[in-house]
């Protein structure tokens, strides 16, 4: 019996390469448009009056008359000292970046280059914590901070920032690519384990540490639920919490709400735009493609 087999037909064989790339770029451009349109509308709406935003006969993307009245009102509002709230968010975000980047790189170095008993079980346990929703740890975290009198303080949002399973996994994957021979050569030359970590491992972690630091900064800047729970006084609150408070006080003025949203989101957006190349490079070098 003669068995006839057909070659596997794929899209790459049927369509030329230029068509395939055209389809890919079309999908990417559509995704970018869908992602950017809401933000662009928010920015442009912040230069509109409330009546123009709600007027069904003038629903255009561009405002008919550009006005900075919304921004002037917010920046001159004595009940909204933005510089204080910017300081609160920046202090928490920068502190979390320093603590989590250091601890994650140190843990990642240990799990990548050291061998000890129950190493796999401990690493599996750490990875398992990633499956626990953050909402499940809100009450235990609050009780811990209450025990040490850290509620209603900015330090309360920094005190627990010493462990992150994702950061440990990310650093471990990158550090595993560092040759063991390089570390052994340093030990032969008399370098201590701390010296190996500080002088050999850390200098090679630039892309991945910048990537992780940016992710931590964005997560800390945009955090809402936990700061809302532990920060009661207005003067110690962060920008996302203040944005909700401000929008509740100005529900009848959409222009002010849009302007406040832009002022709070714009700093982290600018930071991301300036450091986006580190994000791509860090994920690529760590195997996250």
Protein backbone atom coordinates (compact mmCIF):
# COMPACT_ATOMS: atom_id res chain seq x y z
CA UNK A 1 0.00 0.00 0.00
CA UNK A 2 1.31 3.42 -0.95
CA UNK A 3 0.84 6.05 1.72
CA UNK A 4 0.62 9.58 0.45
CA UNK A 5 1.63 12.28 2.90
CA UNK A 6 1.08 15.93 2.39
CA UNK A 7 3.63 18.49 3.52
CA UNK A 8 2.58 20.63 6.42
CA UNK A 9 1.04 23.82 5.10
CA UNK A 10 1.63 26.88 7.22
CA UNK A 11 0.67 30.50 6.86
CA UNK A 12 4.29 31.39 6.26
CA UNK A 13 4.44 29.08 3.22
CA UNK A 14 1.15 30.29 1.77
CA UNK A 15 1.70 34.03 2.18
CA UNK A 16 4.86 35.93 1.33
CA UNK A 17 6.96 37.38 4.13
CA UNK A 18 5.91 40.95 3.38
CA UNK A 19 2.23 40.03 3.80
CA UNK A 20 2.91 38.27 7.10
CA UNK A 21 4.77 41.29 8.44
CA UNK A 22 1.98 43.53 7.20
CA UNK A 23 -0.56 41.52 9.20
CA UNK A 24 1.63 41.67 12.29
CA UNK A 25 2.08 45.43 12.08
CA UNK A 26 -1.63 45.91 11.41
CA UNK A 27 -2.55 44.03 14.57
CA UNK A 28 0.06 45.94 16.59
CA UNK A 29 -1.11 49.31 15.30
CA UNK A 30 -4.73 48.47 16.09
CA UNK A 31 -3.73 47.42 19.59
CA UNK A 32 -1.83 50.68 20.09
CA UNK A 33 -4.78 52.71 18.90
CA UNK A 34 -7.20 50.90 21.20
CA UNK A 35 -4.82 51.44 24.12
CA UNK A 36 -3.98 55.08 23.46
CA UNK A 37 -7.38 56.50 22.46
CA UNK A 38 -8.81 56.62 26.04
CA UNK A 39 -5.70 58.37 27.36
CA UNK A 40 -5.60 60.82 24.44
CA UNK A 41 -9.27 61.59 24.98
CA UNK A 42 -8.60 62.25 28.68
CA UNK A 43 -5.75 64.65 27.90
CA UNK A 44 -7.77 66.56 25.31
CA UNK A 45 -10.88 66.60 27.50
CA UNK A 46 -8.86 68.25 30.26
CA UNK A 47 -8.65 71.32 28.01
CA UNK A 48 -12.43 71.42 27.55
CA UNK A 49 -15.14 72.92 29.70
CA UNK A 50 -17.63 70.72 31.47
CA UNK A 51 -20.44 71.85 29.19
CA UNK A 52 -18.49 70.95 26.07
CA UNK A 53 -17.72 67.46 27.42
CA UNK A 54 -21.34 66.63 28.18
CA UNK A 55 -22.84 68.41 25.18
CA UNK A 56 -24.10 65.63 22.85
CA UNK A 57 -23.92 67.93 19.81
CA UNK A 58 -20.17 68.67 20.18
CA UNK A 59 -18.64 65.26 20.78
CA UNK A 60 -15.40 65.84 18.92
CA UNK A 61 -11.96 64.62 19.94
CA UNK A 62 -10.37 68.06 19.75
CA UNK A 63 -11.78 70.84 21.94
CA UNK A 64 -13.46 73.70 20.13
CA UNK A 65 -11.59 76.18 22.30
CA UNK A 66 -8.51 75.19 24.28
CA UNK A 67 -8.69 76.37 27.87
CA UNK A 68 -6.31 75.90 30.80
CA UNK A 69 -8.93 76.91 33.33
CA UNK A 70 -9.14 73.38 34.74
CA UNK A 71 -5.40 73.24 35.43
CA UNK A 72 -5.39 76.75 36.87
CA UNK A 73 -8.19 75.80 39.25
CA UNK A 74 -6.39 72.66 40.45
CA UNK A 75 -2.96 74.25 40.85
CA UNK A 76 -4.43 77.18 42.82
CA UNK A 77 -6.69 75.05 45.02
CA UNK A 78 -5.56 75.46 48.64
CA UNK A 79 -7.36 72.23 49.62
CA UNK A 80 -5.23 70.30 47.12
CA UNK A 81 -1.51 70.84 47.87
CA UNK A 82 -0.20 68.73 45.01
CA UNK A 83 3.44 69.16 46.02
CA UNK A 84 2.70 67.37 49.31
CA UNK A 85 0.95 64.45 47.61
CA UNK A 86 3.66 64.23 44.96
CA UNK A 87 6.21 63.96 47.77
CA UNK A 88 4.21 61.20 49.49
CA UNK A 89 3.91 59.10 46.34
CA UNK A 90 7.53 59.70 45.34
CA UNK A 91 8.85 58.81 48.80
CA UNK A 92 6.91 55.54 48.88
CA UNK A 93 7.74 54.58 45.29
CA UNK A 94 11.47 55.35 45.56
CA UNK A 95 11.80 53.61 48.94
CA UNK A 96 10.06 50.50 47.62
CA UNK A 97 12.30 50.50 44.55
CA UNK A 98 15.46 50.60 46.67
CA UNK A 99 14.36 47.94 49.15
CA UNK A 100 12.79 45.50 46.69
CA UNK A 101 15.52 45.83 44.08
CA UNK A 102 18.22 45.12 46.65
CA UNK A 103 16.43 42.24 48.39
CA UNK A 104 15.28 40.61 45.15
CA UNK A 105 18.75 40.73 43.59
CA UNK A 106 20.29 39.27 46.76
CA UNK A 107 17.72 36.46 46.98
CA UNK A 108 18.05 35.81 43.26
CA UNK A 109 21.82 35.49 43.63
CA UNK A 110 21.42 32.97 46.44
CA UNK A 111 18.94 30.80 44.56
CA UNK A 112 20.87 31.00 41.30
CA UNK A 113 24.43 30.30 42.46
CA UNK A 114 24.27 28.51 45.81
CA UNK A 115 23.34 24.92 46.67
CA UNK A 116 21.84 24.12 50.03
CA UNK A 117 19.35 21.72 51.54
CA UNK A 118 15.68 22.19 50.65
CA UNK A 119 16.61 24.83 48.10
CA UNK A 120 14.04 23.62 45.56
CA UNK A 121 11.30 23.36 48.17
CA UNK A 122 11.99 26.85 49.47
CA UNK A 123 12.02 28.32 45.98
CA UNK A 124 8.78 26.48 45.12
CA UNK A 125 7.20 27.90 48.28
CA UNK A 126 8.25 31.43 47.30
CA UNK A 127 6.83 30.96 43.81
CA UNK A 128 3.59 29.63 45.30
CA UNK A 129 3.06 32.94 47.09
CA UNK A 130 2.54 34.54 43.68
CA UNK A 131 -0.77 32.69 43.46
CA UNK A 132 -2.09 34.34 46.64
CA UNK A 133 -4.21 37.39 45.75
CA UNK A 134 -3.05 40.60 47.36
CA UNK A 135 -6.52 41.16 48.81
CA UNK A 136 -6.06 38.05 50.99
CA UNK A 137 -3.07 39.60 52.76
CA UNK A 138 -4.60 43.01 53.44
CA UNK A 139 -5.93 42.20 56.90
CA UNK A 140 -2.76 40.40 58.14
CA UNK A 141 -0.60 43.24 56.79
CA UNK A 142 -2.80 45.83 58.47
CA UNK A 143 -2.66 43.99 61.82
CA UNK A 144 1.14 43.79 61.61
CA UNK A 145 1.42 47.52 60.97
CA UNK A 146 -1.08 48.22 63.74
CA UNK A 147 1.03 46.16 66.15
CA UNK A 148 4.10 48.29 65.40
CA UNK A 149 2.17 51.58 65.30
CA UNK A 150 2.87 52.16 61.60
CA UNK A 151 -0.66 52.83 60.43
CA UNK A 152 -1.45 56.31 59.12
CA UNK A 153 2.27 56.76 58.36
CA UNK A 154 4.20 56.70 55.11
CA UNK A 155 6.66 54.24 56.63
CA UNK A 156 3.81 51.77 56.89
CA UNK A 157 3.76 51.42 53.11
CA UNK A 158 7.53 50.92 53.06
CA UNK A 159 7.98 48.59 56.04
CA UNK A 160 6.62 45.52 54.22
CA UNK A 161 8.55 46.15 50.98
CA UNK A 162 11.36 43.65 51.50
CA UNK A 163 10.06 40.56 49.70
CA UNK A 164 8.63 40.04 46.21
CA UNK A 165 8.38 36.60 44.63
CA UNK A 166 8.26 37.95 41.10
CA UNK A 167 11.39 40.02 41.66
CA UNK A 168 13.25 37.03 43.07
CA UNK A 169 12.25 34.89 40.11
CA UNK A 170 13.22 37.60 37.63
CA UNK A 171 16.64 38.15 39.19
CA UNK A 172 17.31 34.43 39.54
CA UNK A 173 16.63 33.79 35.86
CA UNK A 174 19.06 36.52 34.86
CA UNK A 175 21.82 35.64 37.35
CA UNK A 176 21.78 32.00 36.24
CA UNK A 177 23.22 33.16 32.91
CA UNK A 178 26.35 34.51 34.63
CA UNK A 179 29.14 31.89 34.21
CA UNK A 180 30.08 30.03 37.39
CA UNK A 181 33.72 30.14 36.29
CA UNK A 182 33.69 33.92 36.72
CA UNK A 183 32.58 33.61 40.33
CA UNK A 184 35.05 30.78 41.05
CA UNK A 185 37.89 32.89 39.68
CA UNK A 186 36.94 35.67 42.09
CA UNK A 187 36.91 33.23 45.02
CA UNK A 188 40.38 32.00 44.05
CA UNK A 189 41.58 35.60 44.08
CA UNK A 190 40.32 35.90 47.65
CA UNK A 191 37.05 37.76 47.11
CA UNK A 192 34.37 37.30 49.75
CA UNK A 193 30.84 36.24 48.88
CA UNK A 194 29.60 39.75 49.53
CA UNK A 195 32.38 41.12 47.35
CA UNK A 196 31.40 38.72 44.54
CA UNK A 197 27.83 39.91 44.76
CA UNK A 198 28.75 43.60 44.91
CA UNK A 199 31.63 43.72 42.43
CA UNK A 200 30.76 41.01 39.89
CA UNK A 201 27.05 40.21 39.99
CA UNK A 202 25.53 43.66 40.55
CA UNK A 203 27.39 45.42 37.70
CA UNK A 204 25.94 42.88 35.27
CA UNK A 205 22.37 43.33 36.50
CA UNK A 206 21.92 46.81 35.03
CA UNK A 207 19.18 46.08 32.44
CA UNK A 208 17.14 43.70 34.59
CA UNK A 209 17.42 45.88 37.71
CA UNK A 210 16.33 48.95 35.76
CA UNK A 211 13.40 47.00 34.36
CA UNK A 212 12.33 45.67 37.73
CA UNK A 213 12.82 49.06 39.40
CA UNK A 214 10.53 50.65 36.82
CA UNK A 215 7.86 48.00 37.39
CA UNK A 216 8.07 48.46 41.17
CA UNK A 217 7.92 52.24 40.80
CA UNK A 218 4.80 52.04 38.65
CA UNK A 219 3.12 49.57 40.99
CA UNK A 220 3.88 51.68 44.06
CA UNK A 221 2.83 54.92 42.37
CA UNK A 222 -0.50 53.46 41.23
CA UNK A 223 -1.29 51.54 44.45
CA UNK A 224 -4.73 52.43 45.77
CA UNK A 225 -6.42 49.89 48.05
CA UNK A 226 -3.73 49.35 50.70
CA UNK A 227 -2.85 53.07 51.03
CA UNK A 228 -6.55 53.81 51.31
CA UNK A 229 -6.84 51.40 54.25
CA UNK A 230 -3.85 52.45 56.35
CA UNK A 231 -3.62 56.19 55.55
CA UNK A 232 -6.44 58.05 57.27
CA UNK A 233 -5.22 61.66 57.37
CA UNK A 234 -5.43 63.63 54.15
CA UNK A 235 -1.90 65.06 54.34
CA UNK A 236 -0.25 61.60 54.27
CA UNK A 237 -2.29 60.15 51.43
CA UNK A 238 -0.94 59.29 48.00
CA UNK A 239 -1.99 60.65 44.63
CA UNK A 240 -4.38 57.82 43.54
CA UNK A 241 -6.29 58.13 46.84
CA UNK A 242 -6.41 61.91 46.55
CA UNK A 243 -7.66 61.59 42.97
CA UNK A 244 -10.70 59.62 44.14
CA UNK A 245 -11.30 62.11 46.95
CA UNK A 246 -11.02 65.06 44.55
CA UNK A 247 -13.30 63.49 41.96
CA UNK A 248 -15.93 62.85 44.64
CA UNK A 249 -15.85 66.53 45.56
CA UNK A 250 -16.15 67.63 41.91
CA UNK A 251 -18.55 65.14 40.40
CA UNK A 252 -20.33 67.95 38.59
CA UNK A 253 -17.21 69.08 36.69
CA UNK A 254 -15.73 66.48 34.35
CA UNK A 255 -13.11 68.91 33.10
CA UNK A 256 -11.55 69.16 36.56
CA UNK A 257 -11.60 65.39 36.91
CA UNK A 258 -9.82 64.91 33.59
CA UNK A 259 -7.18 67.53 34.46
CA UNK A 260 -6.54 65.96 37.87
CA UNK A 261 -6.16 62.53 36.27
CA UNK A 262 -3.63 63.89 33.76
CA UNK A 263 -1.56 65.60 36.47
CA UNK A 264 -1.36 62.39 38.47
CA UNK A 265 -0.68 60.01 35.58
CA UNK A 266 1.69 62.18 33.55
CA UNK A 267 4.81 61.81 35.77
CA UNK A 268 4.81 58.02 35.73
CA UNK A 269 4.06 58.05 32.01
CA UNK A 270 7.07 60.26 31.34
CA UNK A 271 9.29 58.01 33.45
CA UNK A 272 8.09 54.98 31.51
CA UNK A 273 8.68 56.65 28.15
CA UNK A 274 12.25 57.58 29.12
CA UNK A 275 13.08 54.09 30.42
CA UNK A 276 11.06 51.88 28.08
CA UNK A 277 14.21 50.68 26.28
CA UNK A 278 15.40 49.21 29.56
CA UNK A 279 12.13 47.31 29.89
CA UNK A 280 12.52 45.71 26.46
CA UNK A 281 16.19 44.96 26.99
CA UNK A 282 15.71 43.58 30.48
CA UNK A 283 12.89 41.21 29.54
CA UNK A 284 14.75 40.08 26.42
CA UNK A 285 17.95 39.28 28.28
CA UNK A 286 16.07 37.44 31.03
CA UNK A 287 14.28 35.19 28.54
CA UNK A 288 10.87 36.91 28.80
CA UNK A 289 10.16 37.48 25.10
